Amino acid sequence: MQLEVKVDASLQKLIHKYQSLPEDVDMAVLKGVVRVVEEFRKEVVGRQGLSKYPRHPEGTPTPSPAGDPPAQVTGRLFKSVKAGPPVRVKQAHYKVSIGPQKVPYARAQELGNPKQNLPARPYMAPARERLLRRSSTIYFNEVRRVLTGKKG
């Protein structure tokens, strides 16, 4: 005896959906990475970061106390915070470089420079800490959209 089972069109769609699920989840993670990078940049240059203190003229004392983000003089550091493109390491795993570009004093502002009597005025590390609390929610929401079929 031989039994033939035909799969109807709706079941075919479901099978196809689950076959493409790994790629869909990977794309959702990539969307999450892009959103996290955008949020990170906002944290760095926003009110808790490089925009916390008003600009001051070059050569005048900074209104920024040690341990807080630096106040702007020229705005070069503020404008220099850029992100590279996400690089896929493996499925659902990406790396992104983000930080100040071509600003020689950026590292000294973040970490301090005792030789120049410059205290640390971190702006990247605090932004990272603030965003770490929210980043998993961002990824989760993107993957949930894929799993539930919701557009977003």
Protein backbone atom coordinates (compact mmCIF):
# COMPACT_ATOMS: atom_id res chain seq x y z
CA MET A 1 0.00 0.00 0.00
CA GLN A 2 1.25 3.44 -0.88
CA LEU A 3 0.19 6.67 0.74
CA GLU A 4 0.60 10.00 -1.01
CA VAL A 5 0.44 13.18 1.01
CA LYS A 6 0.09 16.52 -0.70
CA VAL A 7 1.10 19.65 1.10
CA ASP A 8 -1.32 22.49 0.52
CA ALA A 9 -0.17 26.00 -0.43
CA SER A 10 -0.48 27.50 3.08
CA LEU A 11 1.68 24.76 4.55
CA GLN A 12 4.19 25.27 1.73
CA LYS A 13 4.40 28.97 2.69
CA LEU A 14 4.94 28.02 6.32
CA ILE A 15 7.70 25.56 5.41
CA HIS A 16 9.34 28.19 3.21
CA LYS A 17 9.11 30.76 6.00
CA TYR A 18 10.87 28.49 8.47
CA GLN A 19 13.53 27.53 5.93
CA SER A 20 14.38 31.19 5.48
CA LEU A 21 14.18 31.96 9.22
CA PRO A 22 17.95 31.94 9.86
CA GLU A 23 18.50 34.53 7.12
CA ASP A 24 15.55 36.59 8.37
CA VAL A 25 16.89 36.55 11.93
CA ASP A 26 20.33 37.51 10.62
CA MET A 27 18.81 40.51 8.81
CA ALA A 28 16.90 41.46 11.97
CA VAL A 29 20.14 41.38 13.97
CA LEU A 30 21.79 43.56 11.31
CA LYS A 31 18.91 46.06 11.59
CA GLY A 32 19.40 45.98 15.34
CA VAL A 33 23.14 46.66 14.93
CA VAL A 34 22.40 49.67 12.74
CA ARG A 35 19.87 50.99 15.29
CA VAL A 36 22.28 50.45 18.19
CA VAL A 37 25.05 52.31 16.33
CA GLU A 38 22.67 55.22 15.67
CA GLU A 39 21.66 55.26 19.32
CA PHE A 40 25.30 55.08 20.45
CA ARG A 41 26.24 58.08 18.35
CA LYS A 42 23.28 59.99 19.79
CA GLU A 43 24.50 59.11 23.29
CA VAL A 44 28.05 60.30 22.52
CA VAL A 45 27.05 63.64 21.03
CA GLY A 46 23.80 64.18 22.97
CA ARG A 47 22.95 66.03 26.17
CA GLN A 48 24.77 63.52 28.38
CA GLY A 49 27.82 63.49 26.09
CA LEU A 50 29.61 66.07 24.01
CA SER A 51 26.67 68.50 24.09
CA LYS A 52 26.44 68.56 27.90
CA TYR A 53 28.38 71.80 28.28
CA PRO A 54 28.24 74.99 26.22
CA ARG A 55 30.99 75.89 23.80
CA HIS A 56 33.77 78.07 25.08
CA PRO A 57 36.44 80.10 23.24
CA GLU A 58 39.81 78.50 22.59
CA GLY A 59 42.32 79.25 25.33
CA THR A 60 39.69 79.84 28.01
CA PRO A 61 39.07 77.49 30.93
CA THR A 62 36.69 74.67 30.14
CA PRO A 63 33.34 74.64 31.92
CA SER A 64 33.61 70.83 31.99
CA PRO A 65 34.85 69.36 35.28
CA ALA A 66 37.22 66.40 35.29
CA GLY A 67 35.32 63.15 34.81
CA ASP A 68 32.58 64.75 32.70
CA PRO A 69 32.57 64.94 28.88
CA PRO A 70 34.67 67.73 27.39
CA ALA A 71 33.06 71.03 26.46
CA GLN A 72 33.23 72.02 22.80
CA VAL A 73 35.71 74.56 21.51
CA THR A 74 35.78 74.00 17.73
CA GLY A 75 33.25 71.17 17.47
CA ARG A 76 35.77 68.92 15.65
CA LEU A 77 35.51 66.14 18.23
CA PHE A 78 31.70 66.34 18.17
CA LYS A 79 31.58 66.12 14.36
CA SER A 80 34.23 63.41 14.15
CA VAL A 81 32.27 60.60 15.84
CA LYS A 82 31.53 58.22 12.97
CA ALA A 83 30.65 54.56 12.55
CA GLY A 84 32.06 52.18 9.99
CA PRO A 85 29.86 49.68 8.18
CA PRO A 86 28.73 46.59 10.08
CA VAL A 87 30.99 43.62 9.29
CA ARG A 88 29.44 40.15 9.45
CA VAL A 89 31.54 37.80 11.58
CA LYS A 90 29.11 34.88 11.33
CA GLN A 91 25.37 34.41 11.27
CA ALA A 92 23.68 36.93 13.61
CA HIS A 93 27.09 38.26 14.74
CA TYR A 94 28.37 41.64 13.52
CA LYS A 95 31.17 44.00 14.45
CA VAL A 96 31.12 47.76 14.03
CA SER A 97 33.81 50.33 14.74
CA ILE A 98 32.60 53.67 16.04
CA GLY A 99 34.49 56.59 17.46
CA PRO A 100 36.19 59.86 16.69
CA GLN A 101 37.97 60.00 13.35
CA LYS A 102 41.13 62.05 12.63
CA VAL A 103 41.07 64.06 15.85
CA PRO A 104 44.46 63.67 17.53
CA TYR A 105 43.31 64.82 20.99
CA ALA A 106 40.27 62.50 21.14
CA ARG A 107 42.07 59.77 23.10
CA ALA A 108 43.58 62.25 25.56
CA GLN A 109 40.14 63.73 26.24
CA GLU A 110 38.63 60.29 26.86
CA LEU A 111 41.46 58.86 28.99
CA GLY A 112 43.31 61.95 30.22
CA ASN A 113 46.97 62.81 29.74
CA PRO A 114 48.94 63.24 33.00
CA LYS A 115 51.99 64.58 31.14
CA GLN A 116 49.90 67.52 29.91
CA ASN A 117 47.98 67.83 33.19
CA LEU A 118 44.79 66.94 31.31
CA PRO A 119 42.25 65.02 33.38
CA ALA A 120 40.09 62.35 31.76
CA ARG A 121 36.87 63.70 30.33
CA PRO A 122 35.26 60.49 29.07
CA TYR A 123 32.49 60.68 26.50
CA MET A 124 32.66 57.28 24.74
CA ALA A 125 32.74 54.91 27.75
CA PRO A 126 29.78 56.53 29.58
CA ALA A 127 27.74 56.48 26.35
CA ARG A 128 28.57 52.79 25.94
CA GLU A 129 27.46 52.05 29.50
CA ARG A 130 24.18 53.92 29.05
CA LEU A 131 23.46 52.13 25.77
CA LEU A 132 24.36 48.63 27.01
CA ARG A 133 21.28 48.74 29.22
CA ARG A 134 19.06 49.26 26.14
CA SER A 135 20.86 47.45 23.32
CA SER A 136 19.56 43.95 24.06
CA THR A 137 15.99 45.32 23.95
CA ILE A 138 16.69 46.84 20.53
CA TYR A 139 17.98 43.49 19.18
CA PHE A 140 15.15 41.56 20.80
CA ASN A 141 12.52 43.85 19.26
CA GLU A 142 13.99 43.46 15.77
CA VAL A 143 14.10 39.65 16.03
CA ARG A 144 10.59 39.57 17.52
CA ARG A 145 9.30 41.47 14.47
CA VAL A 146 10.67 38.70 12.25
CA LEU A 147 9.25 35.91 14.38
CA THR A 148 5.80 37.48 14.63
CA GLY A 149 5.72 38.66 11.03
CA LYS A 150 5.21 42.31 12.02
CA LYS A 151 6.65 45.04 9.85
CA GLY A 152 8.69 47.68 11.56
